[in-house]
N, C-alpha and C. Protein backbone atom coordinates (compact mmCIF):
# COMPACT_ATOMS: atom_id res chain seq x y z
N UNK A 1 0.81 -1.23 0.02
CA UNK A 1 -0.51 0.45 0.62
C UNK A 1 0.89 1.43 -0.04
N UNK A 2 0.72 2.32 -0.92
CA UNK A 2 1.29 3.12 -1.00
C UNK A 2 0.33 4.51 -0.81
N UNK A 3 0.60 6.30 0.12
CA UNK A 3 -0.70 6.24 0.50
C UNK A 3 -0.54 7.58 0.23
N UNK A 4 -0.78 8.57 0.30
CA UNK A 4 -1.20 10.10 0.09
C UNK A 4 -1.81 10.34 -0.14
N UNK A 5 -1.50 12.14 0.32
CA UNK A 5 -2.78 12.52 1.71
C UNK A 5 -2.11 14.04 1.37
N UNK A 6 -3.16 14.63 0.27
CA UNK A 6 -3.04 15.95 -0.46
C UNK A 6 -3.86 16.51 0.08
N UNK A 7 -3.77 18.39 0.01
CA UNK A 7 -4.55 19.00 0.12
C UNK A 7 -5.66 18.82 -0.97
N UNK A 8 -6.86 19.55 -1.11
CA UNK A 8 -8.08 19.19 -2.04
C UNK A 8 -7.60 20.09 -3.47
N UNK A 9 -7.01 21.20 -3.01
CA UNK A 9 -6.61 21.79 -4.37
C UNK A 9 -5.64 20.66 -5.04
N UNK A 10 -4.17 19.80 -4.45
CA UNK A 10 -4.00 19.05 -5.49
C UNK A 10 -4.82 17.49 -5.91
N UNK A 11 -5.79 17.58 -5.57
CA UNK A 11 -6.16 16.16 -5.63
C UNK A 11 -6.60 15.70 -7.23
N UNK A 12 -7.13 17.02 -8.30
CA UNK A 12 -7.72 16.51 -9.28
C UNK A 12 -6.79 16.40 -10.37
N UNK A 13 -6.94 15.30 -11.12
CA UNK A 13 -5.88 14.42 -12.02
C UNK A 13 -4.95 13.67 -11.00
N UNK A 14 -4.72 13.58 -9.74
CA UNK A 14 -4.45 13.23 -9.13
C UNK A 14 -4.05 11.52 -9.27
N UNK A 15 -5.29 10.72 -8.97
CA UNK A 15 -5.81 9.09 -9.00
C UNK A 15 -4.86 8.71 -10.93
N UNK A 16 -5.14 10.02 -11.42
CA UNK A 16 -5.13 8.93 -12.57
C UNK A 16 -3.50 9.08 -13.60
N UNK A 17 -2.88 10.09 -12.74
CA UNK A 17 -1.06 10.52 -12.73
C UNK A 17 -0.47 8.65 -11.84
N UNK A 18 -1.53 8.72 -10.94
CA UNK A 18 -0.62 8.02 -9.63
C UNK A 18 -1.61 6.25 -11.19
N UNK A 19 -1.75 6.14 -11.53
CA UNK A 19 -1.80 5.49 -12.33
C UNK A 19 -1.16 5.05 -13.40
N UNK A 20 -0.77 6.58 -13.87
CA UNK A 20 0.34 6.22 -14.69
C UNK A 20 1.55 5.61 -14.25
N UNK A 21 1.97 6.56 -12.77
CA UNK A 21 3.55 5.78 -12.55
C UNK A 21 3.39 4.60 -11.87
N UNK A 22 1.97 3.59 -11.43
CA UNK A 22 2.43 2.27 -11.00
C UNK A 22 0.85 1.48 -11.45
N UNK A 23 1.70 1.65 -13.20
CA UNK A 23 0.96 0.53 -13.76
C UNK A 23 0.31 -0.96 -14.13
N UNK A 24 1.38 -1.31 -12.96
CA UNK A 24 1.32 -2.14 -12.16
C UNK A 24 0.59 -2.63 -11.09
N UNK A 25 -0.19 -1.65 -10.34
CA UNK A 25 -1.01 -1.54 -9.31
C UNK A 25 -2.06 -2.02 -9.75
N UNK A 26 -2.79 -2.69 -9.33
CA UNK A 26 -3.76 -2.93 -8.93
C UNK A 26 -5.43 -2.35 -9.20
N UNK A 27 -4.87 -1.40 -7.50
CA UNK A 27 -5.67 -0.20 -7.46
C UNK A 27 -5.61 0.63 -7.23
N UNK A 28 -5.65 1.97 -7.64
CA UNK A 28 -5.68 3.06 -7.13
C UNK A 28 -7.38 3.45 -6.28
N UNK A 29 -7.28 2.61 -4.49
CA UNK A 29 -8.72 4.21 -4.40
C UNK A 29 -8.31 5.26 -3.68
N UNK A 30 -9.38 6.62 -3.33
CA UNK A 30 -9.30 7.47 -3.13
C UNK A 30 -10.43 7.32 -1.81
N UNK A 31 -10.02 8.71 -0.94
CA UNK A 31 -11.23 9.30 -0.74
C UNK A 31 -11.04 10.32 -0.08
N UNK A 32 -12.82 11.60 -0.38
CA UNK A 32 -12.62 12.97 -0.02
C UNK A 32 -13.42 13.39 0.82
N UNK A 33 -12.71 14.60 1.71
CA UNK A 33 -13.70 15.09 2.27
C UNK A 33 -13.87 17.15 1.46
N UNK A 34 -14.62 17.71 1.81
CA UNK A 34 -13.89 19.25 1.67
C UNK A 34 -15.53 20.02 1.50
N UNK A 35 -15.24 21.69 2.30
CA UNK A 35 -16.02 22.45 2.03
C UNK A 35 -16.28 22.86 0.87
N UNK A 36 -17.62 22.84 0.99
CA UNK A 36 -17.95 23.34 -0.87
C UNK A 36 -18.18 25.63 -0.67
N UNK A 37 -18.83 26.03 -1.74
CA UNK A 37 -19.41 27.17 -1.01
C UNK A 37 -20.34 27.49 -0.35
N UNK A 38 -21.48 25.76 -0.15
CA UNK A 38 -22.72 26.84 1.12
C UNK A 38 -21.95 26.30 2.40
N UNK A 39 -20.59 26.03 2.70
CA UNK A 39 -20.05 25.27 3.87
C UNK A 39 -20.36 24.29 3.90
N UNK A 40 -20.73 23.54 3.06
CA UNK A 40 -21.06 22.24 3.12
C UNK A 40 -20.23 21.35 3.07
N UNK A 41 -20.01 20.19 4.05
CA UNK A 41 -18.88 19.35 3.87
C UNK A 41 -19.67 17.98 2.81
N UNK A 42 -18.19 18.01 1.76
CA UNK A 42 -18.45 17.02 0.02
C UNK A 42 -17.71 15.98 0.34
N UNK A 43 -18.42 14.62 0.34
CA UNK A 43 -17.81 13.69 0.22
C UNK A 43 -17.81 12.14 -0.32
N UNK A 44 -16.46 12.16 -0.86
CA UNK A 44 -16.30 11.45 -2.15
C UNK A 44 -15.57 9.98 -1.95
N UNK A 45 -15.75 8.85 -2.32
CA UNK A 45 -14.87 7.12 -2.22
C UNK A 45 -15.39 6.81 -3.38
N UNK A 46 -14.51 6.19 -3.99
CA UNK A 46 -13.92 5.30 -5.00
C UNK A 46 -13.06 3.58 -4.14
N UNK A 47 -13.26 2.30 -4.45
CA UNK A 47 -13.11 1.21 -4.03
C UNK A 47 -12.35 0.84 -5.66
N UNK A 48 -12.39 2.13 -6.35
CA UNK A 48 -11.14 1.25 -7.66
C UNK A 48 -11.06 -0.46 -8.38
N UNK A 49 -12.61 -0.68 -8.21
CA UNK A 49 -12.61 -2.15 -8.21
C UNK A 49 -12.75 -3.38 -7.66
N UNK A 50 -12.60 -2.60 -6.12
CA UNK A 50 -12.13 -3.75 -4.50
C UNK A 50 -13.59 -3.50 -5.11
N UNK A 51 -14.28 -4.77 -3.94
CA UNK A 51 -15.54 -5.71 -3.63
C UNK A 51 -16.09 -4.38 -2.79
N UNK A 52 -16.96 -3.74 -3.60
CA UNK A 52 -18.21 -2.58 -3.36
C UNK A 52 -18.35 -2.46 -1.22
N UNK A 53 -17.19 -0.88 -1.11
CA UNK A 53 -17.27 -0.53 0.67
C UNK A 53 -16.17 -1.59 1.14
N UNK A 54 -15.09 -1.80 0.60
CA UNK A 54 -13.31 -2.48 1.04
C UNK A 54 -12.70 -1.75 0.80
N UNK A 55 -13.05 -0.22 0.41
CA UNK A 55 -11.62 0.33 0.08
C UNK A 55 -12.05 1.91 0.35
N UNK A 56 -12.39 2.20 -0.16
CA UNK A 56 -12.64 3.48 -0.16
C UNK A 56 -13.59 4.82 0.90
N UNK A 57 -14.57 3.00 1.24
CA UNK A 57 -15.67 3.37 2.67
C UNK A 57 -14.46 3.91 3.48
N UNK A 58 -14.25 2.28 4.07
CA UNK A 58 -13.14 2.37 5.20
C UNK A 58 -12.07 3.66 5.29
N UNK A 59 -11.79 4.48 4.30
CA UNK A 59 -10.57 4.96 4.26
C UNK A 59 -11.62 6.35 4.57
N UNK A 60 -12.17 7.19 3.66
CA UNK A 60 -12.63 7.69 4.14
C UNK A 60 -13.20 8.28 5.66
N UNK A 61 -13.87 6.84 6.39
CA UNK A 61 -14.41 7.09 7.91
C UNK A 61 -12.88 7.34 8.93
N UNK A 62 -12.12 6.91 7.71
CA UNK A 62 -10.57 7.70 9.07
C UNK A 62 -10.66 9.26 8.76
N UNK A 63 -11.19 9.69 6.86
CA UNK A 63 -10.92 11.40 7.73
C UNK A 63 -12.11 11.39 8.64
N UNK A 64 -13.44 11.31 8.32
CA UNK A 64 -14.48 11.46 9.15
C UNK A 64 -14.14 11.54 10.30
N UNK A 65 -13.51 10.05 11.56
CA UNK A 65 -13.07 9.70 12.56
C UNK A 65 -12.36 11.08 13.01
N UNK A 66 -10.75 11.19 11.62
CA UNK A 66 -10.08 12.20 12.63
C UNK A 66 -10.64 14.33 11.93
N UNK A 67 -12.29 13.41 11.62
CA UNK A 67 -12.61 15.77 11.29
C UNK A 67 -11.41 15.54 10.86
N UNK A 68 -10.81 15.40 9.05
CA UNK A 68 -10.26 16.10 8.32
C UNK A 68 -11.63 17.02 7.37
N UNK A 69 -11.34 18.43 6.62
CA UNK A 69 -11.49 19.08 5.33
C UNK A 69 -10.77 19.53 4.62
N UNK A 70 -11.13 19.35 3.41
CA UNK A 70 -9.80 20.09 2.04
C UNK A 70 -8.70 19.09 2.17
N UNK A 71 -9.48 18.13 2.58
CA UNK A 71 -8.14 16.72 1.70
C UNK A 71 -8.71 15.66 1.17
N UNK A 72 -7.45 15.41 0.06
CA UNK A 72 -6.90 12.92 -0.08
C UNK A 72 -6.64 12.77 0.20
N UNK A 73 -7.21 10.98 0.53
CA UNK A 73 -5.90 10.70 0.43
C UNK A 73 -6.48 9.71 -0.62
N UNK A 74 -4.96 8.89 -1.00
CA UNK A 74 -5.55 7.94 -2.17
C UNK A 74 -3.80 7.50 -1.59
N UNK A 75 -4.53 5.50 -2.04
CA UNK A 75 -4.00 4.64 -2.19
C UNK A 75 -3.52 3.84 -2.89
N UNK A 76 -2.33 3.01 -2.92
CA UNK A 76 -2.44 2.22 -4.77
C UNK A 76 -1.43 1.46 -3.85
N UNK A 77 -2.58 0.24 -4.05
CA UNK A 77 -2.33 -1.17 -3.87
C UNK A 77 -2.50 -2.17 -5.31
N UNK A 78 -0.95 -2.70 -4.53
CA UNK A 78 -0.89 -3.84 -5.27
C UNK A 78 -0.51 -5.09 -4.39
N UNK A 79 -1.03 -6.10 -5.60
CA UNK A 79 -1.60 -7.50 -4.75
C UNK A 79 -0.17 -7.95 -4.25
N UNK A 80 -0.10 -7.75 -3.44
CA UNK A 80 0.91 -8.74 -2.45
C UNK A 80 0.87 -10.37 -3.01
N UNK A 81 0.11 -11.17 -3.36
CA UNK A 81 -0.33 -12.99 -3.14
C UNK A 81 -1.33 -13.19 -2.22
N UNK A 82 -0.87 -12.68 -0.90
CA UNK A 82 -2.44 -12.94 -0.39
C UNK A 82 -3.72 -12.40 -0.18
N UNK A 83 -4.97 -12.92 0.35
CA UNK A 83 -5.44 -12.10 -0.35
C UNK A 83 -6.42 -12.38 1.54
N UNK A 84 -7.13 -11.04 1.62
CA UNK A 84 -6.76 -10.38 2.70
C UNK A 84 -8.66 -10.45 3.31
N UNK A 85 -9.59 -11.39 2.06
CA UNK A 85 -10.96 -11.15 1.91
C UNK A 85 -11.43 -9.97 3.44
N UNK A 86 -13.07 -10.02 2.80
CA UNK A 86 -13.65 -8.17 2.70
C UNK A 86 -12.87 -8.11 4.01
N UNK A 87 -12.95 -8.44 4.95
CA UNK A 87 -12.87 -7.46 6.21
C UNK A 87 -11.33 -6.75 6.77
N UNK A 88 -10.26 -8.38 6.25
CA UNK A 88 -9.34 -8.48 6.19
C UNK A 88 -8.37 -6.05 4.75
N UNK A 89 -9.23 -6.71 4.33
CA UNK A 89 -9.27 -5.68 3.31
C UNK A 89 -9.61 -4.02 4.63
N UNK A 90 -10.95 -4.05 4.95
CA UNK A 90 -11.45 -3.17 5.16
C UNK A 90 -10.36 -2.03 6.20
N UNK A 91 -10.01 -3.58 6.75
CA UNK A 91 -9.05 -3.23 8.08
C UNK A 91 -6.81 -2.44 7.76
N UNK A 92 -6.67 -2.88 6.23
CA UNK A 92 -5.71 -2.54 5.55
C UNK A 92 -5.81 -1.19 5.02
N UNK A 93 -7.45 -1.08 4.39
CA UNK A 93 -7.18 0.22 4.21
C UNK A 93 -6.99 1.51 4.74
N UNK A 94 -8.44 0.95 5.63
CA UNK A 94 -8.03 2.19 6.87
C UNK A 94 -6.50 2.17 8.45
N UNK A 95 -5.44 1.09 7.92
CA UNK A 95 -4.80 1.64 8.41
C UNK A 95 -3.92 1.94 7.81
N UNK A 96 -3.34 1.72 6.40
CA UNK A 96 -2.52 2.11 5.84
C UNK A 96 -3.62 3.94 5.74
N UNK A 97 -4.41 4.77 6.42
CA UNK A 97 -4.78 5.92 5.97
C UNK A 97 -4.49 6.36 7.45
N UNK A 98 -4.73 5.30 8.15
CA UNK A 98 -4.39 6.22 9.87
C UNK A 98 -2.47 6.14 9.87
N UNK A 99 -1.94 5.65 8.73
CA UNK A 99 -0.35 5.77 8.88
C UNK A 99 0.03 6.94 8.48
N UNK A 100 -0.66 7.22 7.24
CA UNK A 100 -0.22 8.65 6.78
C UNK A 100 -0.87 9.75 7.46
N UNK A 101 -1.16 9.80 7.85
CA UNK A 101 -2.44 10.63 9.05
C UNK A 101 -1.32 11.27 9.65
N UNK A 102 -0.51 10.15 10.69
CA UNK A 102 0.50 9.86 11.92
C UNK A 102 1.64 10.71 11.15
N UNK A 103 1.66 9.75 9.78
CA UNK A 103 2.82 11.06 9.83
C UNK A 103 2.99 12.54 8.71
N UNK A 104 1.37 12.67 8.85
CA UNK A 104 1.86 14.14 8.61
C UNK A 104 0.61 15.26 9.08
N UNK A 105 2.28 16.88 8.36
CA UNK A 105 1.96 17.73 9.32
C UNK A 105 0.51 18.83 8.84
N UNK A 106 -0.42 19.38 9.90
CA UNK A 106 -1.90 19.47 9.74
C UNK A 106 -1.95 21.09 9.77
N UNK A 107 -2.77 21.90 9.18
CA UNK A 107 -3.43 23.18 9.21
C UNK A 107 -4.42 23.58 9.70
N UNK A 108 -4.78 24.42 10.42
CA UNK A 108 -6.28 24.50 10.93
C UNK A 108 -6.51 25.38 10.36
N UNK A 109 -7.77 24.70 10.01
CA UNK A 109 -8.93 25.34 9.18
C UNK A 109 -9.56 26.55 9.32
N UNK A 110 -9.54 27.14 8.47
CA UNK A 110 -9.66 29.46 8.76
C UNK A 110 -10.04 29.23 7.28
N UNK A 111 -11.53 29.55 7.68
CA UNK A 111 -12.23 29.96 6.58
C UNK A 111 -12.13 31.42 5.21
N UNK A 112 -11.42 31.17 4.02
CA UNK A 112 -11.37 32.19 3.43
C UNK A 112 -11.84 33.53 2.88
N UNK A 113 -12.20 34.12 2.05
CA UNK A 113 -13.32 35.21 1.60
C UNK A 113 -13.05 36.43 0.90
N UNK A 114 -13.16 36.52 0.01
CA UNK A 114 -12.53 37.83 -1.82
C UNK A 114 -13.32 38.77 -0.46
N UNK A 115 -12.22 39.54 -0.36
CA UNK A 115 -12.30 41.27 -0.42
C UNK A 115 -12.35 41.89 -1.59
N UNK A 116 -12.20 42.62 -2.44
CA UNK A 116 -12.51 43.39 -3.16
C UNK A 116 -12.09 45.06 -3.35
N UNK A 117 -11.81 45.25 -3.73
CA UNK A 117 -11.40 47.32 -3.87
C UNK A 117 -9.75 47.19 -4.54
N UNK A 118 -10.49 49.23 -4.89
CA UNK A 118 -9.59 49.65 -5.46
C UNK A 118 -8.63 50.77 -5.00
N UNK A 119 -7.54 50.86 -5.33
CA UNK A 119 -6.03 51.89 -5.10
C UNK A 119 -5.77 52.75 -6.19
N UNK A 120 -5.23 54.25 -6.08
CA UNK A 120 -4.91 54.78 -7.04
C UNK A 120 -3.16 53.80 -6.72
N UNK A 121 -2.36 54.07 -7.73
CA UNK A 121 -1.31 54.12 -8.65
C UNK A 121 -0.11 54.32 -7.84
N UNK A 122 -0.59 55.44 -7.13
CA UNK A 122 0.55 56.07 -5.88
C UNK A 122 0.83 55.02 -4.49
N UNK A 123 -0.40 54.00 -4.90
CA UNK A 123 -1.40 53.62 -3.49
C UNK A 123 -0.54 51.89 -3.32
N UNK A 124 -0.24 51.53 -4.46
CA UNK A 124 0.26 50.66 -4.73
C UNK A 124 1.31 49.51 -3.91
N UNK A 125 2.71 50.49 -3.94
CA UNK A 125 3.41 49.75 -2.93
C UNK A 125 3.08 50.00 -1.13
N UNK A 126 2.51 50.80 -0.68
CA UNK A 126 1.96 51.62 -0.39
C UNK A 126 0.79 50.06 0.37
N UNK A 127 0.27 49.53 -0.51
CA UNK A 127 -0.82 48.30 -0.38
C UNK A 127 -0.06 46.89 -0.30
N UNK A 128 0.72 46.48 -1.41
CA UNK A 128 1.48 45.87 -0.96
C UNK A 128 2.30 45.75 0.38
N UNK A 129 2.94 46.30 0.43
CA UNK A 129 3.16 46.45 2.08
C UNK A 129 2.25 45.61 3.56
N UNK A 130 1.29 46.19 2.66
CA UNK A 130 0.44 46.15 3.85
C UNK A 130 -0.41 44.69 4.24
N UNK A 131 -0.09 44.44 2.50
CA UNK A 131 -0.91 42.91 2.20
C UNK A 131 0.38 42.53 2.95
N UNK A 132 1.83 42.08 3.31
CA UNK A 132 2.96 41.66 3.65
C UNK A 132 2.53 41.07 4.74
N UNK A 133 2.29 42.47 5.14
CA UNK A 133 2.97 42.61 6.91
C UNK A 133 1.95 41.79 7.75
N UNK A 134 0.63 41.57 7.23
CA UNK A 134 -0.07 40.93 7.57
C UNK A 134 -0.80 39.18 7.09
N UNK A 135 0.22 38.75 6.05
CA UNK A 135 0.67 37.37 5.83
C UNK A 135 -0.96 37.44 4.84
N UNK A 136 -0.88 38.00 3.84
CA UNK A 136 -2.02 38.22 2.52
C UNK A 136 -0.84 37.90 1.57
N UNK A 137 -0.90 37.11 0.81
CA UNK A 137 0.06 36.94 0.06
C UNK A 137 -1.77 35.92 -1.15
N UNK A 138 -2.16 36.62 -1.21
CA UNK A 138 -2.67 35.51 -2.79
C UNK A 138 -4.61 36.71 -2.94
N UNK A 139 -3.15 37.00 -3.81
CA UNK A 139 -3.87 38.35 -4.73
C UNK A 139 -4.15 38.83 -5.47
N UNK A 140 -5.19 39.32 -6.09
CA UNK A 140 -5.11 39.66 -7.63
C UNK A 140 -5.11 41.62 -7.95
N UNK A 141 -4.36 41.90 -9.17
CA UNK A 141 -4.41 43.40 -9.30
C UNK A 141 -4.72 43.11 -10.41
N UNK A 142 -5.44 44.26 -11.52
CA UNK A 142 -5.58 45.56 -12.67
C UNK A 142 -5.34 46.69 -12.77
N UNK A 143 -4.60 46.31 -13.25
CA UNK A 143 -4.07 47.94 -13.70
C UNK A 143 -4.97 48.72 -15.03
N UNK A 144 -6.09 48.99 -13.85
CA UNK A 144 -7.07 50.65 -15.73
C UNK A 144 -6.59 52.08 -15.47
N UNK A 145 -6.90 52.27 -16.30
CA UNK A 145 -6.39 54.25 -16.85
C UNK A 145 -6.27 55.10 -15.43
N UNK A 146 -7.31 54.46 -14.48
CA UNK A 146 -7.27 55.64 -13.32
C UNK A 146 -6.81 54.90 -12.04
N UNK A 147 -6.94 53.75 -11.81
CA UNK A 147 -7.03 53.19 -10.73
C UNK A 147 -6.76 51.64 -11.05
N UNK A 148 -6.38 50.98 -9.47
CA UNK A 148 -5.63 49.31 -9.73
C UNK A 148 -7.23 49.10 -9.36
N UNK A 149 -7.63 47.42 -9.41
CA UNK A 149 -8.30 47.37 -8.60
C UNK A 149 -7.77 45.91 -8.32
N UNK A 150 -8.35 45.43 -7.43
CA UNK A 150 -7.83 44.36 -6.49
C UNK A 150 -8.80 43.75 -5.70
N UNK A 151 -8.45 42.52 -6.23
CA UNK A 151 -8.83 41.01 -5.66
C UNK A 151 -7.30 40.11 -4.56
N UNK A 152 -8.62 40.61 -2.97
CA UNK A 152 -7.80 39.46 -2.18
C UNK A 152 -8.63 38.41 -1.37
N UNK A 153 -7.37 37.37 -1.19
CA UNK A 153 -7.81 36.09 -0.46
C UNK A 153 -8.08 36.25 0.85
N UNK A 154 -8.21 36.10 1.77
CA UNK A 154 -7.68 35.41 3.11
C UNK A 154 -8.73 35.14 4.21
N UNK A 155 -7.79 34.86 5.69
CA UNK A 155 -9.37 34.42 6.82
C UNK A 155 -9.91 35.96 7.17
N UNK A 156 -11.07 35.92 7.88
CA UNK A 156 -11.85 36.97 8.13
C UNK A 156 -11.42 37.98 8.80
N UNK A 157 -10.18 37.38 9.83
CA UNK A 157 -10.11 38.30 11.11
C UNK A 157 -8.32 39.82 9.51
N UNK A 158 -7.62 38.54 9.13
CA UNK A 158 -6.46 39.41 7.98
C UNK A 158 -7.34 40.84 7.13
N UNK A 159 -8.17 40.03 6.80
CA UNK A 159 -9.31 41.03 5.67
C UNK A 159 -10.00 42.47 6.70
N UNK A 160 -10.12 42.12 7.96
CA UNK A 160 -11.14 42.75 8.79
C UNK A 160 -10.11 44.00 8.77
N UNK A 161 -8.89 43.88 9.09
CA UNK A 161 -6.99 44.05 9.67
C UNK A 161 -7.18 45.01 8.71
N UNK A 162 -6.57 44.56 7.32
CA UNK A 162 -6.79 45.49 6.26
C UNK A 162 -7.30 46.59 6.42
N UNK A 163 -8.94 46.66 6.14
CA UNK A 163 -10.15 47.28 5.94
C UNK A 163 -9.60 48.87 6.67
N UNK A 164 -8.70 48.72 8.22
CA UNK A 164 -8.50 49.35 9.38
C UNK A 164 -7.46 50.32 8.97
């Protein structure tokens, strides 16, 4: 079992990439949980050809039990010559997920919000300095004819501090 834990932003296309990297692997199972735009937890899991409920669901249950969101676990499995049975397989997938979580470093979830504003050209350096001081690193800016339009994404506390 080769287990990968990734932020949900890195999940897209990873299952196909792992299948390409491990062409002799029998299965690439996944489980994921994330918050959608309505603050609802979305869950999904795949057994990838394993007996129904023996791989993706036990992996998803580990994520649920640890109350993890915005992440995905992908498990590459090669057949090792020993038939585990459905119960043994479910335990093996759950253990693989627990093992990767044990090795991981986690960040506390903070809801990110978007704030849109404009500045004059003369305030660009001051704005960049303030963003840096507040640790706001996700931003876009569009230079218009007479002003600069900004979109910043950060936690609410940082946005409120910026507004002051």
